């Protein structure tokens, strides 16, 4: 599934960027050598980042 239609960034690519250490959407865009266009995907990316952090927190407990 595409998270960013403007730049063609897929969900698995966003998750890989987060796993590689991306903490903010701008870092995900930078990794894919692009910039946000309409920015509709930024909220979804933030949610995915927050979810990844939450999963790590629960795993550490």
Protein backbone atom coordinates (compact mmCIF):
# COMPACT_ATOMS: atom_id res chain seq x y z
CA UNK A 1 0.00 0.00 0.00
CA UNK A 2 1.22 3.49 -0.80
CA UNK A 3 1.62 5.87 2.13
CA UNK A 4 2.80 8.76 -0.06
CA UNK A 5 1.14 8.81 -3.47
CA UNK A 6 3.00 11.93 -4.59
CA UNK A 7 6.42 10.33 -4.18
CA UNK A 8 5.46 6.67 -4.50
CA UNK A 9 6.61 5.69 -1.01
CA UNK A 10 5.09 2.42 0.14
CA UNK A 11 4.24 1.30 3.66
CA UNK A 12 7.06 -1.25 3.75
CA UNK A 13 9.54 1.48 2.74
CA UNK A 14 8.31 3.73 5.54
CA UNK A 15 8.61 0.89 8.05
CA UNK A 16 12.13 0.12 6.80
CA UNK A 17 13.11 3.78 7.22
CA UNK A 18 11.72 3.78 10.76
CA UNK A 19 13.61 0.57 11.54
CA UNK A 20 16.75 2.26 10.20
CA UNK A 21 16.29 5.09 12.70
CA UNK A 22 14.00 7.67 11.08
CA UNK A 23 12.33 9.65 13.87
CA UNK A 24 10.41 12.19 11.77
CA UNK A 25 8.67 12.21 8.38
CA UNK A 26 11.29 14.58 6.97
CA UNK A 27 13.92 11.88 7.60
CA UNK A 28 11.83 9.36 5.67
CA UNK A 29 11.58 11.76 2.73
CA UNK A 30 15.31 12.49 2.91
CA UNK A 31 16.09 8.77 2.86
CA UNK A 32 14.04 8.43 -0.33
CA UNK A 33 15.62 11.56 -1.80
CA UNK A 34 12.35 13.44 -2.14
CA UNK A 35 10.30 16.12 -0.42
CA UNK A 36 6.69 16.22 0.73
CA UNK A 37 4.34 17.50 -1.92
CA UNK A 38 0.78 17.66 -0.59
CA UNK A 39 1.82 16.42 2.91
CA UNK A 40 -1.32 14.31 3.37
CA UNK A 41 0.93 11.37 4.23
CA UNK A 42 2.79 13.14 7.04
CA UNK A 43 0.13 12.28 9.65
CA UNK A 44 0.20 8.62 8.60
CA UNK A 45 3.98 8.58 8.83
CA UNK A 46 3.85 10.13 12.30
CA UNK A 47 1.34 7.51 13.38
CA UNK A 48 3.60 4.75 12.06
CA UNK A 49 6.59 6.22 13.92
CA UNK A 50 4.58 6.50 17.14
CA UNK A 51 3.34 2.93 16.76
CA UNK A 52 6.87 1.65 16.24
CA UNK A 53 8.03 3.46 19.39
CA UNK A 54 5.10 2.05 21.33
CA UNK A 55 5.88 -1.47 20.13
CA UNK A 56 9.48 -1.10 21.26
CA UNK A 57 8.37 0.20 24.64
CA UNK A 58 6.08 -2.79 25.20
CA UNK A 59 8.78 -5.18 24.02
CA UNK A 60 11.18 -3.73 26.61
CA UNK A 61 8.76 -4.37 29.48
